Amino acid sequence: MKGFLEEAKALLAELIALPTVSAEGRALREGAEKVAEVLRGLGLSASLHEGYGPPVVYAEGGVGERTLLFYNHYDVQPPDPLDLWETDPFTLVERDGAWYGRGAHDDKGELVARVVALRLFREKHGFLPRVKFVVEGEEEVGSPHLADYVADKRDLLQAEAILWEAGGVDAKGRPYLYAGLKGIVALELRVRTAAFDLHSSYGAVVENPIYRLSLALASLRDEEGRVLIPGFYDRVRPLTPPEVEVLASIPDESEALKEAFGVRDFLGGARNLEFHQRLYAEPCVNFNGFHSGYGGPGSKTVLPAEAVAKLDFRLVPDQDPEEIPGLLKVHLEARGLHDVEVVVLEKGERPARSDLAHPFVGLAKAALEEAFGEKAVLYPNMAGSGPMHPFLHHLKAPAVGLGVGYPGSRVHSPNEHIRIRDFERGTLAILRLLERFFGV
């Protein structure tokens, strides 16, 4: 088992060198072929499944009466803005005890940790356990084809449990795991008030799209972040007593996160249980960007013709992402904002949460604690989103996420990285999970 970090670094460097940016359609087939090659190197049978967007890499093999399914993705976020990277985003660089590069954490570093953990298992026990892999290439654009893929391949993908794509340690360095993800729907609001940009003097008689769009955005939430769209909360499933108990048991990390993020305070001054309920168990709306008019140096006296805002709604069980745009349109029209166009940007993802009482959740928590030598933090679900719902729905198996990152990994940002010590302990935690799951 010695020397696995150098092996991991070399493999991660090969994967990071492929600019598999799904938003731009870059190098996706090359990325899929490389992942299949890596999985075949484990002794698995790997193939590319076509017809579901970029190729889905499916692999299986090993021996045993039980099967563990791994979900990961080989696509990454765009590297922009490039000028904020200290090194080339598609060249792995080691510095200050960390590995830097786009995908170092999300999700190529996590995939490498699983591959290395399986190699360590085979080296230690003399055989490869019964595992399956689903590695897709469009998670970073909302996995629009994966639900159909899982529905069509449900018999092929059958497993007793699922190890989800990522995890790590929290802001205090405690290992954590999670059993679900929020849903999401990404939208764009557009307002056009003229055929072309006008001289700003016409602001006396021509409506400004920035003003109209600002009215629309301000109507969507209150000062504490609660969504004001009628009917938005109607489908929210009440928390069960075990879920409330798990939320209450999460150590308060609000102060540590406030410092790490550089924010003055959290909405409503949320702390402790309220902080965790808002972040993990309540839906929200977020504004991703606002684009209109002149943004260059100095002034330009212009009345822009159009204003555009991008936003997303994070959802919790049992909200339906397909219902949200309709509720939003009714809300805007009721406020006289008929000129605000609602455009759905990506196919939404449904929220998902595994049964926290399932034995696999406890088994994963115990494995994590053994590897790290301290108590692990269990989250009922993470604040982020992903395509977990079709797996839980079609395979009827629990999904748990654990991995090798930390809050400062700069996921989706320049200088993405993982700390080597987190990778080492996270990999050993996956190894221990494999040993517990397969009874060796």
Protein backbone atom coordinates (compact mmCIF):
# COMPACT_ATOMS: atom_id res chain seq x y z
CA MET A 1 0.00 0.00 0.00
CA LYS A 2 3.03 2.27 0.01
CA GLY A 3 3.52 4.95 -2.59
CA PHE A 4 -0.09 5.28 -3.71
CA LEU A 5 0.06 9.09 -3.58
CA GLU A 6 2.58 9.28 -6.41
CA GLU A 7 0.46 6.88 -8.45
CA ALA A 8 -2.61 8.98 -7.72
CA LYS A 9 -0.85 12.21 -8.67
CA ALA A 10 0.27 10.79 -12.01
CA LEU A 11 -3.22 9.55 -12.86
CA LEU A 12 -4.84 12.83 -11.79
CA ALA A 13 -2.38 14.75 -13.97
CA GLU A 14 -3.45 12.70 -17.01
CA LEU A 15 -7.13 13.41 -16.36
CA ILE A 16 -6.69 17.12 -15.65
CA ALA A 17 -4.73 17.52 -18.90
CA LEU A 18 -7.94 16.75 -20.81
CA PRO A 19 -10.05 19.99 -20.90
CA THR A 20 -13.40 18.23 -20.59
CA VAL A 21 -15.53 21.37 -20.33
CA SER A 22 -19.10 20.26 -20.94
CA ALA A 23 -20.44 23.82 -21.23
CA GLU A 24 -18.22 24.20 -24.30
CA GLY A 25 -18.36 20.58 -25.53
CA ARG A 26 -14.58 20.26 -25.25
CA ALA A 27 -12.67 16.96 -25.18
CA LEU A 28 -15.63 14.99 -23.85
CA ARG A 29 -15.14 11.88 -25.97
CA GLU A 30 -11.42 11.92 -25.19
CA GLY A 31 -12.27 12.20 -21.51
CA ALA A 32 -14.72 9.30 -21.67
CA GLU A 33 -12.21 7.11 -23.48
CA LYS A 34 -9.53 7.91 -20.91
CA VAL A 35 -11.83 7.05 -17.99
CA ALA A 36 -12.77 3.76 -19.65
CA GLU A 37 -9.07 2.99 -20.12
CA VAL A 38 -8.39 3.68 -16.43
CA LEU A 39 -11.25 1.45 -15.30
CA ARG A 40 -10.14 -1.35 -17.60
CA GLY A 41 -6.75 -1.04 -15.94
CA LEU A 42 -8.47 -2.02 -12.71
CA GLY A 43 -9.63 -5.25 -14.32
CA LEU A 44 -13.17 -4.03 -14.99
CA SER A 45 -15.11 -4.40 -18.21
CA ALA A 46 -15.72 -0.84 -19.42
CA SER A 47 -17.71 0.53 -22.35
CA LEU A 48 -19.07 3.82 -23.67
CA HIS A 49 -22.85 4.06 -23.73
CA GLU A 50 -23.98 6.34 -26.55
CA GLY A 51 -27.21 8.22 -27.15
CA TYR A 52 -27.38 10.11 -23.86
CA GLY A 53 -25.42 13.25 -24.65
CA PRO A 54 -21.64 12.83 -24.21
CA PRO A 55 -20.67 9.16 -23.78
CA VAL A 56 -21.54 7.63 -20.42
CA VAL A 57 -18.77 5.37 -19.18
CA TYR A 58 -20.15 2.16 -17.69
CA ALA A 59 -17.91 -0.41 -16.05
CA GLU A 60 -18.41 -3.50 -13.92
CA GLY A 61 -16.47 -6.44 -12.54
CA GLY A 62 -15.11 -8.10 -9.47
CA VAL A 63 -16.54 -10.85 -7.31
CA GLY A 64 -18.98 -11.02 -4.44
CA GLU A 65 -22.64 -11.42 -3.60
CA ARG A 66 -23.15 -7.69 -3.11
CA THR A 67 -22.58 -4.82 -5.55
CA LEU A 68 -21.49 -1.26 -4.85
CA LEU A 69 -22.20 1.30 -7.57
CA PHE A 70 -19.93 4.36 -7.94
CA TYR A 71 -21.28 7.55 -9.52
CA ASN A 72 -18.82 10.16 -10.82
CA HIS A 73 -18.43 12.56 -13.75
CA TYR A 74 -15.52 13.39 -16.03
CA ASP A 75 -16.66 16.85 -17.17
CA VAL A 76 -15.51 20.06 -15.48
CA GLN A 77 -16.48 23.72 -15.24
CA PRO A 78 -14.97 26.31 -17.62
CA PRO A 79 -11.68 27.66 -16.25
CA ASP A 80 -12.67 31.31 -16.66
CA PRO A 81 -11.55 33.85 -15.55
CA LEU A 82 -8.14 32.65 -16.70
CA ASP A 83 -6.25 35.66 -15.36
CA LEU A 84 -7.06 34.62 -11.78
CA TRP A 85 -5.33 31.24 -12.12
CA GLU A 86 -1.82 31.17 -10.71
CA THR A 87 -0.93 28.26 -13.02
CA ASP A 88 -2.37 26.64 -16.14
CA PRO A 89 -5.77 25.16 -15.16
CA PHE A 90 -5.21 22.04 -17.25
CA THR A 91 -1.77 21.22 -15.88
CA LEU A 92 -1.60 19.58 -12.46
CA VAL A 93 0.72 21.55 -10.16
CA GLU A 94 1.73 20.58 -6.64
CA ARG A 95 2.45 23.38 -4.20
CA ASP A 96 2.01 23.98 -0.48
CA GLY A 97 0.80 20.44 0.13
CA ALA A 98 -1.98 20.55 -2.47
CA TRP A 99 -2.71 19.51 -6.07
CA TYR A 100 -4.02 22.32 -8.30
CA GLY A 101 -5.93 22.10 -11.57
CA ARG A 102 -9.44 22.24 -13.00
CA GLY A 103 -11.20 19.11 -11.79
CA ALA A 104 -8.64 18.44 -9.03
CA HIS A 105 -11.58 18.09 -6.67
CA ASP A 106 -14.70 18.25 -8.84
CA ASP A 107 -14.67 15.50 -9.91
CA LYS A 108 -11.47 14.00 -11.26
CA GLY A 109 -9.70 13.92 -7.91
CA GLU A 110 -12.67 12.09 -6.42
CA LEU A 111 -12.69 9.57 -9.26
CA VAL A 112 -8.96 8.94 -8.82
CA ALA A 113 -9.50 8.34 -5.08
CA ARG A 114 -11.99 5.57 -5.87
CA VAL A 115 -9.73 3.97 -8.45
CA VAL A 116 -6.78 4.03 -6.05
CA ALA A 117 -8.91 2.68 -3.17
CA LEU A 118 -9.93 -0.28 -5.33
CA ARG A 119 -6.30 -0.93 -6.27
CA LEU A 120 -5.36 -0.86 -2.59
CA PHE A 121 -8.20 -3.26 -1.81
CA ARG A 122 -7.00 -5.72 -4.48
CA GLU A 123 -3.40 -5.43 -3.28
CA LYS A 124 -4.41 -6.03 0.33
CA HIS A 125 -7.03 -8.77 -0.12
CA GLY A 126 -6.04 -10.43 -3.38
CA PHE A 127 -9.27 -9.86 -5.28
CA LEU A 128 -11.43 -7.06 -6.68
CA PRO A 129 -14.87 -6.69 -5.07
CA ARG A 130 -18.06 -6.58 -7.10
CA VAL A 131 -18.43 -2.95 -8.24
CA LYS A 132 -20.03 -0.92 -11.00
CA PHE A 133 -19.22 2.59 -12.28
CA VAL A 134 -21.37 5.20 -13.97
CA VAL A 135 -19.21 8.15 -15.04
CA GLU A 136 -21.06 10.79 -17.06
CA GLY A 137 -19.89 13.80 -19.05
CA GLU A 138 -22.47 16.52 -18.47
CA GLU A 139 -22.96 16.87 -14.72
CA GLU A 140 -21.69 20.46 -14.85
CA VAL A 141 -24.52 21.42 -17.23
CA GLY A 142 -27.28 19.77 -15.21
CA SER A 143 -27.09 16.13 -16.39
CA PRO A 144 -29.97 16.62 -18.86
CA HIS A 145 -29.78 13.05 -20.22
CA LEU A 146 -28.86 11.05 -17.13
CA ALA A 147 -32.39 10.48 -15.82
CA ASP A 148 -33.32 8.79 -19.11
CA TYR A 149 -30.09 6.79 -19.00
CA VAL A 150 -30.74 5.46 -15.51
CA ALA A 151 -34.36 4.68 -16.35
CA ASP A 152 -33.34 2.76 -19.48
CA LYS A 153 -30.44 0.94 -17.79
CA ARG A 154 -32.05 0.29 -14.41
CA ASP A 155 -31.63 -3.49 -14.67
CA LEU A 156 -27.97 -3.18 -15.63
CA LEU A 157 -27.23 -0.72 -12.82
CA GLN A 158 -28.78 -2.72 -9.98
CA ALA A 159 -26.74 -2.53 -6.78
CA GLU A 160 -27.25 -2.75 -3.04
CA ALA A 161 -25.80 0.73 -2.42
CA ILE A 162 -24.35 3.75 -4.22
CA LEU A 163 -21.25 5.75 -3.37
CA TRP A 164 -21.88 9.27 -4.62
CA GLU A 165 -19.36 11.49 -6.36
CA ALA A 166 -17.68 13.60 -3.67
CA GLY A 167 -17.22 14.67 -0.06
CA GLY A 168 -14.41 15.56 2.30
CA VAL A 169 -13.92 17.51 5.51
CA ASP A 170 -15.83 20.53 6.80
CA ALA A 171 -14.53 23.98 7.73
CA LYS A 172 -13.21 22.62 11.04
CA GLY A 173 -11.46 19.67 9.40
CA ARG A 174 -14.04 17.10 10.50
CA PRO A 175 -14.87 14.31 8.00
CA TYR A 176 -18.43 14.41 6.73
CA LEU A 177 -20.84 12.34 4.68
CA TYR A 178 -24.25 13.07 3.21
CA ALA A 179 -27.25 11.07 2.07
CA GLY A 180 -28.95 13.39 -0.39
CA LEU A 181 -28.84 16.48 -2.59
CA LYS A 182 -31.07 19.45 -3.24
CA GLY A 183 -32.86 19.79 -6.54
CA ILE A 184 -32.36 22.72 -8.89
CA VAL A 185 -33.89 24.64 -11.76
CA ALA A 186 -31.86 27.36 -13.53
CA LEU A 187 -33.69 30.23 -15.20
CA GLU A 188 -33.12 33.51 -17.00
CA LEU A 189 -35.29 36.62 -16.72
CA ARG A 190 -35.26 38.98 -19.70
CA VAL A 191 -36.74 42.42 -20.25
CA ARG A 192 -36.55 44.44 -23.49
CA THR A 193 -37.97 47.97 -23.63
CA ALA A 194 -36.53 49.27 -26.93
CA ALA A 195 -35.25 48.00 -30.26
CA PHE A 196 -31.73 49.29 -29.50
CA ASP A 197 -29.82 51.23 -26.85
CA LEU A 198 -30.90 54.86 -26.57
CA HIS A 199 -29.39 58.13 -25.41
CA SER A 200 -29.91 58.36 -21.65
CA SER A 201 -31.90 61.59 -22.05
CA TYR A 202 -34.81 59.42 -23.20
CA GLY A 203 -34.96 58.04 -19.67
CA ALA A 204 -37.49 60.78 -19.05
CA VAL A 205 -40.04 59.06 -21.30
CA VAL A 206 -38.79 55.53 -22.10
CA GLU A 207 -38.93 52.70 -19.56
CA ASN A 208 -35.58 51.33 -18.43
CA PRO A 209 -35.27 47.51 -18.50
CA ILE A 210 -32.91 47.56 -15.53
CA TYR A 211 -35.67 49.09 -13.42
CA ARG A 212 -38.23 46.54 -14.55
CA LEU A 213 -35.91 43.62 -13.97
CA SER A 214 -34.89 44.97 -10.56
CA LEU A 215 -38.56 45.07 -9.56
CA ALA A 216 -38.94 41.45 -10.63
CA LEU A 217 -35.87 40.25 -8.73
CA ALA A 218 -36.72 42.18 -5.58
CA SER A 219 -40.18 40.58 -5.55
CA LEU A 220 -38.83 37.03 -5.35
CA ARG A 221 -37.50 36.97 -1.77
CA ASP A 222 -37.56 38.92 1.49
CA GLU A 223 -34.58 40.33 3.37
CA GLU A 224 -33.95 37.03 5.15
CA GLY A 225 -34.03 35.00 1.94
CA ARG A 226 -37.50 33.45 2.15
CA VAL A 227 -39.04 32.98 -1.29
CA LEU A 228 -42.19 35.07 -1.82
CA ILE A 229 -43.68 33.19 -4.80
CA PRO A 230 -47.18 31.91 -3.89
CA GLY A 231 -47.30 28.10 -3.80
CA PHE A 232 -43.51 27.74 -3.77
CA TYR A 233 -43.45 25.89 -0.43
CA ASP A 234 -46.60 23.82 -0.94
CA ARG A 235 -44.79 20.58 -1.86
CA VAL A 236 -42.02 20.83 0.74
CA ARG A 237 -41.97 17.56 2.68
CA PRO A 238 -41.89 18.07 6.47
CA LEU A 239 -38.73 16.83 8.13
CA THR A 240 -38.97 13.53 9.97
CA PRO A 241 -37.84 13.32 13.62
CA PRO A 242 -34.63 11.45 12.60
CA GLU A 243 -33.84 14.16 10.05
CA VAL A 244 -34.36 16.91 12.63
CA GLU A 245 -32.16 14.97 15.04
CA VAL A 246 -29.38 14.69 12.46
CA LEU A 247 -29.58 18.41 11.65
CA ALA A 248 -29.41 19.26 15.36
CA SER A 249 -26.33 17.05 15.78
CA ILE A 250 -24.29 18.90 13.13
CA PRO A 251 -21.58 21.00 14.85
CA ASP A 252 -22.09 24.70 14.26
CA GLU A 253 -19.73 25.73 11.47
CA SER A 254 -21.32 29.10 10.72
CA GLU A 255 -18.53 31.18 12.27
CA ALA A 256 -15.81 29.18 10.53
CA LEU A 257 -17.63 29.46 7.20
CA LYS A 258 -18.22 33.18 7.68
CA GLU A 259 -14.48 33.68 8.08
CA ALA A 260 -13.59 31.34 5.22
CA PHE A 261 -16.05 33.02 2.84
CA GLY A 262 -15.23 36.57 3.93
CA VAL A 263 -18.90 37.53 4.53
CA ARG A 264 -20.15 39.94 7.19
CA ASP A 265 -23.00 37.71 8.34
CA PHE A 266 -25.52 35.15 7.17
CA LEU A 267 -29.11 35.89 6.19
CA GLY A 268 -31.20 36.54 9.26
CA GLY A 269 -28.14 36.06 11.45
CA ALA A 270 -28.69 32.29 11.20
CA ARG A 271 -26.64 30.12 13.58
CA ASN A 272 -26.64 26.52 14.83
CA LEU A 273 -29.82 24.55 14.03
CA GLU A 274 -31.42 27.44 12.13
CA PHE A 275 -28.30 27.75 9.97
CA HIS A 276 -28.32 24.03 9.17
CA GLN A 277 -32.06 23.92 8.48
CA ARG A 278 -31.81 26.81 6.04
CA LEU A 279 -28.74 25.48 4.27
CA TYR A 280 -29.67 21.80 4.01
CA ALA A 281 -33.43 21.47 4.51
CA GLU A 282 -35.05 24.59 3.04
CA PRO A 283 -35.35 25.76 -0.58
CA CYS A 284 -34.03 29.11 -1.76
CA VAL A 285 -33.57 31.40 -4.76
CA ASN A 286 -30.18 32.78 -5.78
CA PHE A 287 -29.26 35.40 -8.38
CA ASN A 288 -26.26 34.27 -10.43
CA GLY A 289 -25.73 37.35 -12.59
CA PHE A 290 -27.19 40.60 -13.90
CA HIS A 291 -26.26 41.93 -17.33
CA SER A 292 -27.31 45.22 -18.91
CA GLY A 293 -26.00 48.49 -20.22
CA TYR A 294 -22.44 49.79 -20.00
CA GLY A 295 -19.87 48.25 -17.65
CA GLY A 296 -16.62 49.74 -18.91
CA PRO A 297 -14.45 52.46 -17.38
CA GLY A 298 -15.83 55.93 -16.88
CA SER A 299 -19.38 56.79 -17.86
CA LYS A 300 -21.53 56.21 -20.89
CA THR A 301 -24.88 57.94 -20.88
CA VAL A 302 -27.00 55.21 -22.34
CA LEU A 303 -30.47 53.77 -21.79
CA PRO A 304 -30.00 50.04 -22.44
CA ALA A 305 -32.54 48.24 -24.55
CA GLU A 306 -32.39 44.96 -22.64
CA ALA A 307 -31.61 43.58 -19.19
CA VAL A 308 -31.00 39.93 -18.35
CA ALA A 309 -30.64 38.14 -15.01
CA LYS A 310 -29.67 34.54 -14.36
CA LEU A 311 -30.96 32.76 -11.26
CA ASP A 312 -31.46 29.32 -9.79
CA PHE A 313 -33.84 27.78 -7.29
CA ARG A 314 -32.49 25.10 -4.94
CA LEU A 315 -35.23 22.66 -4.02
CA VAL A 316 -35.93 20.11 -1.30
CA PRO A 317 -38.10 16.95 -1.25
CA ASP A 318 -40.80 16.85 -2.71
CA GLN A 319 -40.61 20.02 -4.83
CA ASP A 320 -40.86 19.62 -8.60
CA PRO A 321 -38.40 21.63 -10.74
CA GLU A 322 -40.81 21.53 -13.68
CA GLU A 323 -43.46 23.34 -11.63
CA ILE A 324 -41.30 26.30 -10.53
CA PRO A 325 -41.18 28.28 -13.82
CA GLY A 326 -44.98 28.26 -14.00
CA LEU A 327 -45.32 29.50 -10.43
CA LEU A 328 -42.77 32.22 -11.20
CA LYS A 329 -44.65 33.41 -14.29
CA VAL A 330 -47.94 33.62 -12.38
CA HIS A 331 -46.21 35.57 -9.61
CA LEU A 332 -44.68 38.10 -12.02
CA GLU A 333 -47.90 38.62 -13.95
CA ALA A 334 -49.82 39.18 -10.70
CA ARG A 335 -47.40 42.04 -9.95
CA GLY A 336 -47.90 43.63 -13.35
CA LEU A 337 -44.54 42.46 -14.67
CA HIS A 338 -45.94 41.02 -17.89
CA ASP A 339 -42.89 42.18 -19.84
CA VAL A 340 -40.49 39.96 -17.89
CA GLU A 341 -39.76 36.83 -19.92
CA VAL A 342 -38.97 33.58 -18.07
CA VAL A 343 -36.56 31.25 -19.88
CA VAL A 344 -35.57 27.82 -18.53
CA LEU A 345 -31.83 27.36 -19.06
CA GLU A 346 -31.31 23.73 -18.04
CA LYS A 347 -33.45 20.71 -17.39
CA GLY A 348 -34.04 20.76 -13.66
CA GLU A 349 -32.95 18.10 -11.19
CA ARG A 350 -35.25 16.70 -8.55
CA PRO A 351 -34.19 16.72 -4.89
CA ALA A 352 -33.18 13.41 -3.34
CA ARG A 353 -32.63 12.12 0.17
CA SER A 354 -31.83 8.56 1.26
CA ASP A 355 -33.31 6.96 4.35
CA LEU A 356 -30.96 8.03 7.15
CA ALA A 357 -31.81 4.84 9.06
CA HIS A 358 -30.53 2.57 6.26
CA PRO A 359 -27.62 0.37 7.42
CA PHE A 360 -25.39 1.60 4.57
CA VAL A 361 -25.49 5.13 6.00
CA GLY A 362 -24.26 3.89 9.38
CA LEU A 363 -21.67 1.66 7.75
CA ALA A 364 -20.25 4.56 5.72
CA LYS A 365 -20.14 6.78 8.79
CA ALA A 366 -18.27 4.13 10.77
CA ALA A 367 -15.75 3.63 7.95
CA LEU A 368 -15.11 7.36 7.77
CA GLU A 369 -14.55 7.57 11.52
CA GLU A 370 -12.12 4.65 11.48
CA ALA A 371 -10.05 6.22 8.70
CA PHE A 372 -9.93 9.69 10.25
CA GLY A 373 -9.83 8.69 13.91
CA GLU A 374 -12.58 11.13 14.89
CA LYS A 375 -16.35 11.46 14.81
CA ALA A 376 -17.82 12.09 11.36
CA VAL A 377 -20.57 14.63 10.65
CA LEU A 378 -23.66 13.29 8.87
CA TYR A 379 -25.74 15.64 6.71
CA PRO A 380 -29.21 14.54 5.58
CA ASN A 381 -28.34 16.14 2.24
CA MET A 382 -25.92 18.71 0.91
CA ALA A 383 -26.84 22.26 -0.05
CA GLY A 384 -25.76 21.63 -3.64
CA SER A 385 -27.48 19.67 -6.37
CA GLY A 386 -26.81 16.69 -8.58
CA PRO A 387 -28.55 13.86 -10.44
CA MET A 388 -29.07 11.57 -7.45
CA HIS A 389 -32.87 11.33 -7.69
CA PRO A 390 -33.11 8.93 -10.67
CA PHE A 391 -30.71 6.50 -8.95
CA LEU A 392 -32.74 6.44 -5.73
CA HIS A 393 -36.02 6.29 -7.65
CA HIS A 394 -35.16 3.54 -10.15
CA LEU A 395 -32.61 1.45 -8.24
CA LYS A 396 -34.27 1.68 -4.80
CA ALA A 397 -30.82 1.78 -3.22
CA PRO A 398 -29.38 4.30 -0.74
CA ALA A 399 -26.70 6.77 -1.86
CA VAL A 400 -24.02 8.23 0.39
CA GLY A 401 -21.33 10.74 -0.51
CA LEU A 402 -17.87 10.98 1.03
CA GLY A 403 -14.59 12.05 -0.48
CA VAL A 404 -11.39 14.08 -0.54
CA GLY A 405 -12.23 17.81 -0.64
CA TYR A 406 -12.57 20.69 1.83
CA PRO A 407 -14.52 24.01 1.80
CA GLY A 408 -11.49 25.91 0.51
CA SER A 409 -11.01 23.66 -2.54
CA ARG A 410 -12.31 26.50 -4.76
CA VAL A 411 -14.66 24.25 -6.66
CA HIS A 412 -15.92 26.04 -9.82
CA SER A 413 -13.41 28.85 -9.18
CA PRO A 414 -9.85 29.63 -10.31
CA ASN A 415 -7.10 27.73 -8.48
CA GLU A 416 -9.24 24.67 -7.75
CA HIS A 417 -7.29 22.19 -5.64
CA ILE A 418 -7.31 19.40 -3.07
CA ARG A 419 -5.00 19.07 -0.10
CA ILE A 420 -2.86 15.95 -0.30
CA ARG A 421 -3.54 15.00 3.31
CA ASP A 422 -7.30 15.11 2.65
CA PHE A 423 -6.86 12.97 -0.45
CA GLU A 424 -4.85 10.39 1.47
CA ARG A 425 -7.32 10.09 4.34
CA GLY A 426 -10.33 10.21 2.04
CA THR A 427 -8.92 7.41 -0.10
CA LEU A 428 -8.27 5.27 2.97
CA ALA A 429 -11.84 5.95 4.11
CA ILE A 430 -13.15 4.60 0.80
CA LEU A 431 -10.92 1.56 1.25
CA ARG A 432 -12.33 0.98 4.74
CA LEU A 433 -15.88 1.40 3.39
CA LEU A 434 -15.16 -1.25 0.76
CA GLU A 435 -13.84 -3.58 3.43
CA ARG A 436 -16.87 -3.09 5.66
CA PHE A 437 -19.35 -3.36 2.79
CA PHE A 438 -17.82 -6.55 1.42
CA GLY A 439 -17.12 -8.04 4.85
CA VAL A 440 -13.33 -8.43 4.76
